[in-house]
C-alpha atoms as a PDB file:
ATOM      1  CA  MET A   1     243.657  40.248 -41.127  1.00  0.00           C
ATOM      2  CA  LEU A   2     240.408  40.507 -39.552  1.00  0.00           C
ATOM      3  CA  ALA A   3     238.711  40.278 -43.152  1.00  0.00           C
ATOM      4  CA  ALA A   4     240.915  37.424 -44.009  1.00  0.00           C
ATOM      5  CA  ASP A   5     238.934  35.733 -40.630  1.00  0.00           C
ATOM      6  CA  PRO A   6     236.200  37.585 -39.336  1.00  0.00           C
ATOM      7  CA  ALA A   7     235.046  35.173 -37.582  1.00  0.00           C
ATOM      8  CA  ASP A   8     238.494  35.521 -35.142  1.00  0.00           C
ATOM      9  CA  ALA A   9     237.651  36.331 -32.378  1.00  0.00           C
ATOM     10  CA  PHE A  10     240.746  37.418 -31.003  1.00  0.00           C
ATOM     11  CA  LEU A  11     241.046  39.719 -33.578  1.00  0.00           C
ATOM     12  CA  ARG A  12     238.028  41.406 -33.298  1.00  0.00           C
ATOM     13  CA  TYR A  13     238.314  42.095 -29.470  1.00  0.00           C
ATOM     14  CA  ALA A  14     242.050  43.591 -30.584  1.00  0.00           C
ATOM     15  CA  MET A  15     240.168  46.070 -33.030  1.00  0.00           C
ATOM     16  CA  ALA A  16     237.432  46.672 -30.591  1.00  0.00           C
ATOM     17  CA  MET A  17     240.727  47.744 -27.953  1.00  0.00           C
ATOM     18  CA  GLU A  18     242.386  49.966 -30.798  1.00  0.00           C
ATOM     19  CA  TYR A  19     238.921  51.819 -31.096  1.00  0.00           C
ATOM     20  CA  VAL A  20     238.778  52.229 -27.538  1.00  0.00           C
ATOM     21  CA  LYS A  21     242.216  53.452 -27.441  1.00  0.00           C
ATOM     22  CA  SER A  22     241.638  55.985 -30.094  1.00  0.00           C
ATOM     23  CA  GLY A  23     238.415  57.065 -28.110  1.00  0.00           C
ATOM     24  CA  ASN A  24     236.082  55.812 -30.805  1.00  0.00           C
ATOM     25  CA  LEU A  25     233.417  54.862 -28.369  1.00  0.00           C
ATOM     26  CA  ASN A  26     230.344  53.799 -30.575  1.00  0.00           C
ATOM     27  CA  GLN A  27     232.579  51.947 -32.931  1.00  0.00           C
ATOM     28  CA  ALA A  28     234.131  49.835 -29.735  1.00  0.00           C
ATOM     29  CA  ILE A  29     230.723  48.962 -28.967  1.00  0.00           C
ATOM     30  CA  VAL A  30     229.676  47.824 -32.170  1.00  0.00           C
ATOM     31  CA  GLU A  31     232.374  45.476 -32.842  1.00  0.00           C
ATOM     32  CA  PHE A  32     232.215  44.125 -28.649  1.00  0.00           C
ATOM     33  CA  ARG A  33     228.536  43.404 -29.326  1.00  0.00           C
ATOM     34  CA  ARG A  34     229.418  41.506 -32.731  1.00  0.00           C
ATOM     35  CA  LEU A  35     231.880  39.686 -30.914  1.00  0.00           C
ATOM     36  CA  ILE A  36     229.577  38.548 -28.296  1.00  0.00           C
ATOM     37  CA  THR A  37     227.008  37.555 -30.890  1.00  0.00           C
ATOM     38  CA  ASP A  38     229.448  35.518 -33.015  1.00  0.00           C
ATOM     39  CA  ASN A  39     231.249  34.059 -29.638  1.00  0.00           C
ATOM     40  CA  ALA A  40     228.905  34.270 -26.815  1.00  0.00           C
ATOM     41  CA  ALA A  41     231.300  33.014 -24.406  1.00  0.00           C
ATOM     42  CA  TYR A  42     234.361  35.523 -25.284  1.00  0.00           C
ATOM     43  CA  VAL A  43     233.512  37.140 -21.835  1.00  0.00           C
ATOM     44  CA  ALA A  44     235.933  39.756 -21.915  1.00  0.00           C
ATOM     45  CA  ALA A  45     234.040  41.256 -24.484  1.00  0.00           C
ATOM     46  CA  TYR A  46     231.257  41.686 -22.295  1.00  0.00           C
ATOM     47  CA  PHE A  47     233.361  43.071 -19.367  1.00  0.00           C
ATOM     48  CA  MET A  48     234.903  45.696 -22.055  1.00  0.00           C
ATOM     49  CA  CYS A  49     231.558  46.893 -23.853  1.00  0.00           C
ATOM     50  CA  GLY A  50     229.978  47.796 -20.545  1.00  0.00           C
ATOM     51  CA  ARG A  51     233.003  49.919 -19.603  1.00  0.00           C
ATOM     52  CA  ALA A  52     232.690  51.617 -23.232  1.00  0.00           C
ATOM     53  CA  LEU A  53     228.958  51.880 -22.686  1.00  0.00           C
ATOM     54  CA  ARG A  54     229.130  53.640 -19.116  1.00  0.00           C
ATOM     55  CA  ASP A  55     231.969  55.520 -20.566  1.00  0.00           C
ATOM     56  CA  SER A  56     229.628  56.886 -23.544  1.00  0.00           C
ATOM     57  CA  GLY A  57     226.854  57.581 -20.847  1.00  0.00           C
ATOM     58  CA  ASP A  58     224.736  54.862 -21.691  1.00  0.00           C
ATOM     59  CA  THR A  59     223.918  53.242 -17.725  1.00  0.00           C
ATOM     60  CA  PRO A  60     221.206  51.659 -18.339  1.00  0.00           C
ATOM     61  CA  ALA A  61     223.089  49.527 -21.355  1.00  0.00           C
ATOM     62  CA  ALA A  62     226.240  48.898 -19.698  1.00  0.00           C
ATOM     63  CA  ARG A  63     224.259  47.582 -16.753  1.00  0.00           C
ATOM     64  CA  GLN A  64     222.450  44.964 -18.765  1.00  0.00           C
ATOM     65  CA  ILE A  65     225.768  43.742 -20.572  1.00  0.00           C
ATOM     66  CA  TRP A  66     227.562  43.168 -17.278  1.00  0.00           C
ATOM     67  CA  MET A  67     224.025  41.245 -16.361  1.00  0.00           C
ATOM     68  CA  GLN A  68     224.634  39.141 -19.462  1.00  0.00           C
ATOM     69  CA  GLY A  69     228.573  38.486 -19.074  1.00  0.00           C
ATOM     70  CA  ILE A  70     228.033  37.451 -15.321  1.00  0.00           C
ATOM     71  CA  ALA A  71     225.472  34.914 -16.393  1.00  0.00           C
ATOM     72  CA  LYS A  72     227.497  33.991 -19.147  1.00  0.00           C
ATOM     73  CA  ALA A  73     230.574  33.675 -16.953  1.00  0.00           C
ATOM     74  CA  ARG A  74     229.142  31.883 -14.493  1.00  0.00           C
ATOM     75  CA  GLU A  75     227.522  29.385 -17.225  1.00  0.00           C
ATOM     76  CA  ILE A  76     231.201  28.710 -18.507  1.00  0.00           C
ATOM     77  CA  GLY A  77     232.566  28.725 -14.749  1.00  0.00           C
ATOM     78  CA  ASP A  78     234.739  31.736 -14.957  1.00  0.00           C
ATOM     79  CA  SER A  79     233.730  33.368 -11.790  1.00  0.00           C
ATOM     80  CA  HIS A  80     237.042  35.980 -12.084  1.00  0.00           C
ATOM     81  CA  ALA A  81     235.045  37.584 -14.710  1.00  0.00           C
ATOM     82  CA  ALA A  82     231.619  37.183 -13.258  1.00  0.00           C
ATOM     83  CA  SER A  83     233.055  38.783 -10.034  1.00  0.00           C
ATOM     84  CA  GLU A  84     234.980  41.628 -11.923  1.00  0.00           C
ATOM     85  CA  MET A  85     231.697  42.560 -13.791  1.00  0.00           C
ATOM     86  CA  SER A  86     229.512  42.508 -10.426  1.00  0.00           C
ATOM     87  CA  GLU A  87     232.139  44.759  -9.173  1.00  0.00           C
ATOM     88  CA  GLU A  88     231.280  46.908 -12.128  1.00  0.00           C
ATOM     89  CA  LEU A  89     227.533  46.854 -11.441  1.00  0.00           C
ATOM     90  CA  ASN A  90     228.341  47.736  -7.848  1.00  0.00           C
ATOM     91  CA  LEU A  91     230.041  50.915  -9.025  1.00  0.00           C
ATOM     92  CA  LEU A  92     227.365  51.900 -10.913  1.00  0.00           C
ATOM     93  CA  GLU A  93     224.758  51.942  -8.086  1.00  0.00           C
END
């Protein structure tokens, strides 16, 4: 399905989540980053990308993506997503 519509944000997110479930965090991160590049307002991608980065041991990159996600969430008025990513950041410190 994604091959037929590579711009479909939900399908890209779903594929990234399947990579997470299968333990392929590196490929999940690639897909989350692609989604963020193509659809910056898809704030769930920042949240999950940060988790995948954290779980893969790249804490600085997780911190950076969550900070970007918080800014984007605030920009689009999604205070819930901003709050969730802020909580994740607080857990890193």
